[in-house]
Protein backbone atom coordinates (compact mmCIF):
# COMPACT_ATOMS: atom_id res chain seq x y z
CA UNK A 1 0.00 0.00 0.00
CA UNK A 2 1.26 3.47 -0.89
CA UNK A 3 0.14 6.87 0.40
CA UNK A 4 0.81 10.03 -1.59
CA UNK A 5 0.21 13.25 0.32
CA UNK A 6 -0.27 16.67 -1.25
CA UNK A 7 1.99 18.51 1.22
CA UNK A 8 0.95 22.12 0.73
CA UNK A 9 -2.72 21.13 0.44
CA UNK A 10 -2.40 19.54 3.88
CA UNK A 11 -0.63 22.63 5.28
CA UNK A 12 -3.29 25.02 3.94
CA UNK A 13 -6.18 22.88 5.17
CA UNK A 14 -4.84 21.98 8.63
CA UNK A 15 -3.03 25.11 9.84
CA UNK A 16 -3.55 24.24 13.51
CA UNK A 17 -1.43 21.12 13.06
CA UNK A 18 1.24 22.73 10.92
CA UNK A 19 1.55 26.47 11.67
CA UNK A 20 0.99 26.95 15.34
CA UNK A 21 3.05 24.11 16.78
CA UNK A 22 6.14 24.07 14.59
CA UNK A 23 8.01 26.86 12.86
CA UNK A 24 8.90 24.75 9.85
CA UNK A 25 5.72 23.71 8.02
CA UNK A 26 7.32 20.87 6.07
CA UNK A 27 8.76 19.29 9.20
CA UNK A 28 5.37 19.71 10.86
CA UNK A 29 3.70 17.81 8.02
CA UNK A 30 6.23 15.00 8.40
CA UNK A 31 5.60 14.84 12.18
CA UNK A 32 1.86 14.84 11.62
CA UNK A 33 2.13 12.00 9.14
CA UNK A 34 4.37 9.98 11.46
CA UNK A 35 1.73 9.99 14.21
CA UNK A 36 -1.15 9.26 11.85
CA UNK A 37 -2.79 5.89 12.55
CA UNK A 38 -2.74 4.93 8.86
CA UNK A 39 1.00 5.40 8.74
CA UNK A 40 1.88 3.38 11.84
CA UNK A 41 2.19 0.17 9.86
CA UNK A 42 5.78 -0.14 8.72
CA UNK A 43 4.78 -1.78 5.43
CA UNK A 44 3.24 1.42 4.07
CA UNK A 45 5.25 3.57 1.71
CA UNK A 46 4.47 7.25 2.12
CA UNK A 47 5.38 10.00 -0.34
CA UNK A 48 4.86 13.66 0.51
CA UNK A 49 4.89 15.94 -2.53
CA UNK A 50 5.67 19.66 -2.25
CA UNK A 51 5.73 22.32 -4.96
CA UNK A 52 9.06 23.84 -5.91
CA UNK A 53 12.64 22.98 -5.11
CA UNK A 54 14.10 21.37 -1.99
CA UNK A 55 15.16 24.02 0.47
CA UNK A 56 16.23 21.53 3.13
CA UNK A 57 17.72 18.21 2.13
CA UNK A 58 17.53 16.96 5.72
CA UNK A 59 13.80 17.41 6.22
CA UNK A 60 13.36 13.81 7.26
CA UNK A 61 15.24 10.78 8.34
CA UNK A 62 12.70 8.00 7.95
CA UNK A 63 12.96 4.99 5.67
CA UNK A 64 9.16 4.79 5.18
CA UNK A 65 8.57 8.42 4.24
CA UNK A 66 9.92 9.99 1.07
CA UNK A 67 9.79 13.71 0.28
CA UNK A 68 9.52 14.77 -3.36
CA UNK A 69 9.76 18.35 -4.56
CA UNK A 70 8.13 18.99 -7.92
CA UNK A 71 10.92 21.30 -9.15
CA UNK A 72 9.61 23.04 -12.32
CA UNK A 73 6.35 21.06 -12.40
CA UNK A 74 3.44 21.54 -10.04
CA UNK A 75 2.94 19.16 -7.13
CA UNK A 76 -0.41 18.29 -8.73
CA UNK A 77 1.30 17.13 -11.95
CA UNK A 78 3.92 15.23 -9.97
CA UNK A 79 1.23 13.39 -7.99
CA UNK A 80 -0.68 12.55 -11.16
CA UNK A 81 2.52 11.28 -12.82
CA UNK A 82 3.31 9.01 -9.87
CA UNK A 83 -0.17 7.49 -10.00
CA UNK A 84 -0.21 7.22 -13.79
CA UNK A 85 3.19 5.50 -13.90
CA UNK A 86 2.41 3.09 -11.08
CA UNK A 87 2.09 -0.60 -11.86
CA UNK A 88 -0.59 -0.96 -9.18
CA UNK A 89 -2.55 2.33 -8.91
CA UNK A 90 -5.34 0.47 -7.09
CA UNK A 91 -2.98 0.19 -4.09
CA UNK A 92 -2.42 3.96 -3.91
CA UNK A 93 -4.24 6.35 -1.59
CA UNK A 94 -3.84 10.06 -2.32
CA UNK A 95 -4.45 12.51 0.52
CA UNK A 96 -5.71 15.75 -1.03
CA UNK A 97 -8.74 17.99 -1.39
CA UNK A 98 -7.71 19.12 -4.87
CA UNK A 99 -10.61 18.25 -7.19
CA UNK A 100 -8.50 17.90 -10.33
CA UNK A 101 -6.19 15.39 -8.63
CA UNK A 102 -9.12 13.49 -7.08
CA UNK A 103 -10.86 13.13 -10.44
CA UNK A 104 -7.67 12.03 -12.20
CA UNK A 105 -6.58 9.43 -9.65
CA UNK A 106 -10.05 7.87 -9.53
CA UNK A 107 -9.93 7.36 -13.30
CA UNK A 108 -6.53 5.70 -12.86
CA UNK A 109 -7.90 3.38 -10.14
CA UNK A 110 -6.31 5.01 -7.09
CA UNK A 111 -8.30 6.08 -4.03
CA UNK A 112 -8.73 9.46 -2.39
CA UNK A 113 -8.61 10.37 1.29
CA UNK A 114 -9.75 13.92 1.93
CA UNK A 115 -7.85 16.14 4.34
CA UNK A 116 -10.90 16.12 6.63
CA UNK A 117 -10.93 12.29 6.67
CA UNK A 118 -7.16 12.27 7.29
CA UNK A 119 -7.51 14.66 10.24
CA UNK A 120 -10.51 12.77 11.64
CA UNK A 121 -8.46 9.58 11.83
CA UNK A 122 -5.85 11.38 13.96
CA UNK A 123 -8.53 12.67 16.31
CA UNK A 124 -10.23 9.25 16.58
CA UNK A 125 -6.91 7.59 17.31
CA UNK A 126 -6.30 9.97 20.21
CA UNK A 127 -9.85 10.13 21.64
CA UNK A 128 -9.70 6.88 23.65
CA UNK A 129 -6.39 7.92 25.22
CA UNK A 130 -7.72 11.40 25.97
CA UNK A 131 -10.78 9.97 27.73
CA UNK A 132 -8.63 7.56 29.72
CA UNK A 133 -6.30 10.38 30.79
CA UNK A 134 -9.27 12.51 31.88
CA UNK A 135 -10.52 9.58 33.98
CA UNK A 136 -7.02 8.83 35.32
CA UNK A 137 -7.12 5.41 33.66
CA UNK A 138 -4.15 4.74 31.43
CA UNK A 139 -3.47 1.10 30.69
CA UNK A 140 -0.11 -0.31 29.64
CA UNK A 141 -0.96 -0.15 25.93
CA UNK A 142 -1.91 3.54 26.16
CA UNK A 143 1.27 4.27 28.11
CA UNK A 144 3.38 2.54 25.45
CA UNK A 145 1.62 4.44 22.63
CA UNK A 146 2.08 7.78 24.40
CA UNK A 147 5.75 7.06 25.06
CA UNK A 148 6.38 6.04 21.44
CA UNK A 149 4.62 9.14 20.18
CA UNK A 150 6.81 11.38 22.36
CA UNK A 151 9.92 9.49 21.27
CA UNK A 152 8.99 10.04 17.63
CA UNK A 153 8.21 13.71 18.12
CA UNK A 154 11.24 14.54 20.25
CA UNK A 155 13.62 12.02 18.65
CA UNK A 156 14.67 10.51 21.96
CA UNK A 157 14.81 6.93 23.18
C-alpha atoms as a PDB file:
ATOM      1  CA  UNK A   1       0.000   0.000   0.000  1.00  0.00           C
ATOM      2  CA  UNK A   2       1.257   3.465  -0.889  1.00  0.00           C
ATOM      3  CA  UNK A   3       0.137   6.870   0.396  1.00  0.00           C
ATOM      4  CA  UNK A   4       0.812  10.032  -1.587  1.00  0.00           C
ATOM      5  CA  UNK A   5       0.214  13.250   0.316  1.00  0.00           C
ATOM      6  CA  UNK A   6      -0.269  16.672  -1.246  1.00  0.00           C
ATOM      7  CA  UNK A   7       1.993  18.510   1.216  1.00  0.00           C
ATOM      8  CA  UNK A   8       0.945  22.120   0.734  1.00  0.00           C
ATOM      9  CA  UNK A   9      -2.723  21.132   0.437  1.00  0.00           C
ATOM     10  CA  UNK A  10      -2.399  19.544   3.879  1.00  0.00           C
ATOM     11  CA  UNK A  11      -0.632  22.625   5.275  1.00  0.00           C
ATOM     12  CA  UNK A  12      -3.291  25.024   3.943  1.00  0.00           C
ATOM     13  CA  UNK A  13      -6.175  22.876   5.169  1.00  0.00           C
ATOM     14  CA  UNK A  14      -4.837  21.978   8.625  1.00  0.00           C
ATOM     15  CA  UNK A  15      -3.028  25.108   9.842  1.00  0.00           C
ATOM     16  CA  UNK A  16      -3.552  24.236  13.511  1.00  0.00           C
ATOM     17  CA  UNK A  17      -1.427  21.120  13.055  1.00  0.00           C
ATOM     18  CA  UNK A  18       1.236  22.731  10.918  1.00  0.00           C
ATOM     19  CA  UNK A  19       1.548  26.471  11.666  1.00  0.00           C
ATOM     20  CA  UNK A  20       0.987  26.953  15.339  1.00  0.00           C
ATOM     21  CA  UNK A  21       3.054  24.109  16.780  1.00  0.00           C
ATOM     22  CA  UNK A  22       6.139  24.067  14.589  1.00  0.00           C
ATOM     23  CA  UNK A  23       8.012  26.858  12.862  1.00  0.00           C
ATOM     24  CA  UNK A  24       8.901  24.754   9.847  1.00  0.00           C
ATOM     25  CA  UNK A  25       5.720  23.710   8.025  1.00  0.00           C
ATOM     26  CA  UNK A  26       7.315  20.873   6.068  1.00  0.00           C
ATOM     27  CA  UNK A  27       8.758  19.289   9.200  1.00  0.00           C
ATOM     28  CA  UNK A  28       5.368  19.711  10.860  1.00  0.00           C
ATOM     29  CA  UNK A  29       3.701  17.811   8.016  1.00  0.00           C
ATOM     30  CA  UNK A  30       6.229  14.995   8.400  1.00  0.00           C
ATOM     31  CA  UNK A  31       5.602  14.842  12.183  1.00  0.00           C
ATOM     32  CA  UNK A  32       1.856  14.837  11.615  1.00  0.00           C
ATOM     33  CA  UNK A  33       2.134  11.996   9.142  1.00  0.00           C
ATOM     34  CA  UNK A  34       4.371   9.977  11.459  1.00  0.00           C
ATOM     35  CA  UNK A  35       1.727   9.990  14.208  1.00  0.00           C
ATOM     36  CA  UNK A  36      -1.151   9.255  11.850  1.00  0.00           C
ATOM     37  CA  UNK A  37      -2.790   5.891  12.554  1.00  0.00           C
ATOM     38  CA  UNK A  38      -2.744   4.930   8.859  1.00  0.00           C
ATOM     39  CA  UNK A  39       1.004   5.403   8.737  1.00  0.00           C
ATOM     40  CA  UNK A  40       1.876   3.380  11.837  1.00  0.00           C
ATOM     41  CA  UNK A  41       2.193   0.165   9.859  1.00  0.00           C
ATOM     42  CA  UNK A  42       5.779  -0.139   8.719  1.00  0.00           C
ATOM     43  CA  UNK A  43       4.776  -1.776   5.430  1.00  0.00           C
ATOM     44  CA  UNK A  44       3.243   1.415   4.067  1.00  0.00           C
ATOM     45  CA  UNK A  45       5.248   3.572   1.711  1.00  0.00           C
ATOM     46  CA  UNK A  46       4.465   7.254   2.125  1.00  0.00           C
ATOM     47  CA  UNK A  47       5.383   9.999  -0.338  1.00  0.00           C
ATOM     48  CA  UNK A  48       4.864  13.664   0.510  1.00  0.00           C
ATOM     49  CA  UNK A  49       4.885  15.938  -2.532  1.00  0.00           C
ATOM     50  CA  UNK A  50       5.667  19.660  -2.249  1.00  0.00           C
ATOM     51  CA  UNK A  51       5.732  22.323  -4.957  1.00  0.00           C
ATOM     52  CA  UNK A  52       9.057  23.844  -5.912  1.00  0.00           C
ATOM     53  CA  UNK A  53      12.639  22.978  -5.106  1.00  0.00           C
ATOM     54  CA  UNK A  54      14.097  21.365  -1.993  1.00  0.00           C
ATOM     55  CA  UNK A  55      15.163  24.023   0.475  1.00  0.00           C
ATOM     56  CA  UNK A  56      16.228  21.531   3.133  1.00  0.00           C
ATOM     57  CA  UNK A  57      17.722  18.211   2.125  1.00  0.00           C
ATOM     58  CA  UNK A  58      17.535  16.961   5.718  1.00  0.00           C
ATOM     59  CA  UNK A  59      13.797  17.406   6.219  1.00  0.00           C
ATOM     60  CA  UNK A  60      13.356  13.810   7.265  1.00  0.00           C
ATOM     61  CA  UNK A  61      15.244  10.779   8.342  1.00  0.00           C
ATOM     62  CA  UNK A  62      12.698   8.000   7.950  1.00  0.00           C
ATOM     63  CA  UNK A  63      12.958   4.995   5.665  1.00  0.00           C
ATOM     64  CA  UNK A  64       9.160   4.786   5.184  1.00  0.00           C
ATOM     65  CA  UNK A  65       8.566   8.424   4.242  1.00  0.00           C
ATOM     66  CA  UNK A  66       9.921   9.993   1.067  1.00  0.00           C
ATOM     67  CA  UNK A  67       9.793  13.715   0.280  1.00  0.00           C
ATOM     68  CA  UNK A  68       9.518  14.770  -3.356  1.00  0.00           C
ATOM     69  CA  UNK A  69       9.762  18.348  -4.561  1.00  0.00           C
ATOM     70  CA  UNK A  70       8.130  18.993  -7.919  1.00  0.00           C
ATOM     71  CA  UNK A  71      10.919  21.301  -9.151  1.00  0.00           C
ATOM     72  CA  UNK A  72       9.609  23.039 -12.319  1.00  0.00           C
ATOM     73  CA  UNK A  73       6.346  21.058 -12.397  1.00  0.00           C
ATOM     74  CA  UNK A  74       3.444  21.545 -10.041  1.00  0.00           C
ATOM     75  CA  UNK A  75       2.941  19.158  -7.131  1.00  0.00           C
ATOM     76  CA  UNK A  76      -0.408  18.287  -8.728  1.00  0.00           C
ATOM     77  CA  UNK A  77       1.301  17.133 -11.945  1.00  0.00           C
ATOM     78  CA  UNK A  78       3.916  15.227  -9.970  1.00  0.00           C
ATOM     79  CA  UNK A  79       1.226  13.387  -7.990  1.00  0.00           C
ATOM     80  CA  UNK A  80      -0.682  12.554 -11.162  1.00  0.00           C
ATOM     81  CA  UNK A  81       2.522  11.280 -12.820  1.00  0.00           C
ATOM     82  CA  UNK A  82       3.313   9.014  -9.868  1.00  0.00           C
ATOM     83  CA  UNK A  83      -0.174   7.489  -9.998  1.00  0.00           C
ATOM     84  CA  UNK A  84      -0.209   7.224 -13.788  1.00  0.00           C
ATOM     85  CA  UNK A  85       3.188   5.501 -13.904  1.00  0.00           C
ATOM     86  CA  UNK A  86       2.407   3.092 -11.076  1.00  0.00           C
ATOM     87  CA  UNK A  87       2.091  -0.598 -11.862  1.00  0.00           C
ATOM     88  CA  UNK A  88      -0.589  -0.957  -9.176  1.00  0.00           C
ATOM     89  CA  UNK A  89      -2.545   2.325  -8.907  1.00  0.00           C
ATOM     90  CA  UNK A  90      -5.342   0.467  -7.094  1.00  0.00           C
ATOM     91  CA  UNK A  91      -2.976   0.188  -4.093  1.00  0.00           C
ATOM     92  CA  UNK A  92      -2.425   3.959  -3.911  1.00  0.00           C
ATOM     93  CA  UNK A  93      -4.243   6.348  -1.586  1.00  0.00           C
ATOM     94  CA  UNK A  94      -3.843  10.059  -2.325  1.00  0.00           C
ATOM     95  CA  UNK A  95      -4.449  12.508   0.518  1.00  0.00           C
ATOM     96  CA  UNK A  96      -5.711  15.750  -1.032  1.00  0.00           C
ATOM     97  CA  UNK A  97      -8.743  17.986  -1.391  1.00  0.00           C
ATOM     98  CA  UNK A  98      -7.712  19.117  -4.866  1.00  0.00           C
ATOM     99  CA  UNK A  99     -10.613  18.254  -7.193  1.00  0.00           C
ATOM    100  CA  UNK A 100      -8.501  17.903 -10.331  1.00  0.00           C
ATOM    101  CA  UNK A 101      -6.185  15.390  -8.627  1.00  0.00           C
ATOM    102  CA  UNK A 102      -9.123  13.492  -7.079  1.00  0.00           C
ATOM    103  CA  UNK A 103     -10.855  13.128 -10.442  1.00  0.00           C
ATOM    104  CA  UNK A 104      -7.674  12.031 -12.202  1.00  0.00           C
ATOM    105  CA  UNK A 105      -6.584   9.429  -9.645  1.00  0.00           C
ATOM    106  CA  UNK A 106     -10.051   7.868  -9.525  1.00  0.00           C
ATOM    107  CA  UNK A 107      -9.932   7.364 -13.301  1.00  0.00           C
ATOM    108  CA  UNK A 108      -6.535   5.705 -12.855  1.00  0.00           C
ATOM    109  CA  UNK A 109      -7.895   3.382 -10.145  1.00  0.00           C
ATOM    110  CA  UNK A 110      -6.314   5.012  -7.088  1.00  0.00           C
ATOM    111  CA  UNK A 111      -8.302   6.080  -4.031  1.00  0.00           C
ATOM    112  CA  UNK A 112      -8.728   9.463  -2.385  1.00  0.00           C
ATOM    113  CA  UNK A 113      -8.607  10.369   1.286  1.00  0.00           C
ATOM    114  CA  UNK A 114      -9.749  13.920   1.930  1.00  0.00           C
ATOM    115  CA  UNK A 115      -7.846  16.143   4.340  1.00  0.00           C
ATOM    116  CA  UNK A 116     -10.898  16.117   6.633  1.00  0.00           C
ATOM    117  CA  UNK A 117     -10.925  12.294   6.674  1.00  0.00           C
ATOM    118  CA  UNK A 118      -7.160  12.272   7.293  1.00  0.00           C
ATOM    119  CA  UNK A 119      -7.506  14.656  10.243  1.00  0.00           C
ATOM    120  CA  UNK A 120     -10.512  12.767  11.644  1.00  0.00           C
ATOM    121  CA  UNK A 121      -8.456   9.576  11.828  1.00  0.00           C
ATOM    122  CA  UNK A 122      -5.848  11.379  13.960  1.00  0.00           C
ATOM    123  CA  UNK A 123      -8.531  12.666  16.310  1.00  0.00           C
ATOM    124  CA  UNK A 124     -10.228   9.255  16.585  1.00  0.00           C
ATOM    125  CA  UNK A 125      -6.911   7.586  17.310  1.00  0.00           C
ATOM    126  CA  UNK A 126      -6.296   9.973  20.214  1.00  0.00           C
ATOM    127  CA  UNK A 127      -9.845  10.134  21.642  1.00  0.00           C
ATOM    128  CA  UNK A 128      -9.700   6.876  23.653  1.00  0.00           C
ATOM    129  CA  UNK A 129      -6.393   7.917  25.216  1.00  0.00           C
ATOM    130  CA  UNK A 130      -7.719  11.403  25.968  1.00  0.00           C
ATOM    131  CA  UNK A 131     -10.784   9.972  27.730  1.00  0.00           C
ATOM    132  CA  UNK A 132      -8.629   7.565  29.724  1.00  0.00           C
ATOM    133  CA  UNK A 133      -6.305  10.383  30.786  1.00  0.00           C
ATOM    134  CA  UNK A 134      -9.266  12.513  31.883  1.00  0.00           C
ATOM    135  CA  UNK A 135     -10.520   9.584  33.980  1.00  0.00           C
ATOM    136  CA  UNK A 136      -7.023   8.829  35.319  1.00  0.00           C
ATOM    137  CA  UNK A 137      -7.121   5.409  33.658  1.00  0.00           C
ATOM    138  CA  UNK A 138      -4.151   4.737  31.435  1.00  0.00           C
ATOM    139  CA  UNK A 139      -3.468   1.099  30.693  1.00  0.00           C
ATOM    140  CA  UNK A 140      -0.108  -0.314  29.640  1.00  0.00           C
ATOM    141  CA  UNK A 141      -0.964  -0.153  25.932  1.00  0.00           C
ATOM    142  CA  UNK A 142      -1.912   3.537  26.164  1.00  0.00           C
ATOM    143  CA  UNK A 143       1.274   4.266  28.112  1.00  0.00           C
ATOM    144  CA  UNK A 144       3.383   2.540  25.448  1.00  0.00           C
ATOM    145  CA  UNK A 145       1.617   4.436  22.629  1.00  0.00           C
ATOM    146  CA  UNK A 146       2.079   7.778  24.403  1.00  0.00           C
ATOM    147  CA  UNK A 147       5.748   7.056  25.065  1.00  0.00           C
ATOM    148  CA  UNK A 148       6.379   6.040  21.440  1.00  0.00           C
ATOM    149  CA  UNK A 149       4.622   9.143  20.181  1.00  0.00           C
ATOM    150  CA  UNK A 150       6.814  11.380  22.357  1.00  0.00           C
ATOM    151  CA  UNK A 151       9.918   9.486  21.265  1.00  0.00           C
ATOM    152  CA  UNK A 152       8.994  10.044  17.626  1.00  0.00           C
ATOM    153  CA  UNK A 153       8.213  13.711  18.122  1.00  0.00           C
ATOM    154  CA  UNK A 154      11.243  14.540  20.249  1.00  0.00           C
ATOM    155  CA  UNK A 155      13.617  12.024  18.649  1.00  0.00           C
ATOM    156  CA  UNK A 156      14.666  10.507  21.960  1.00  0.00           C
ATOM    157  CA  UNK A 157      14.814   6.925  23.178  1.00  0.00           C
END
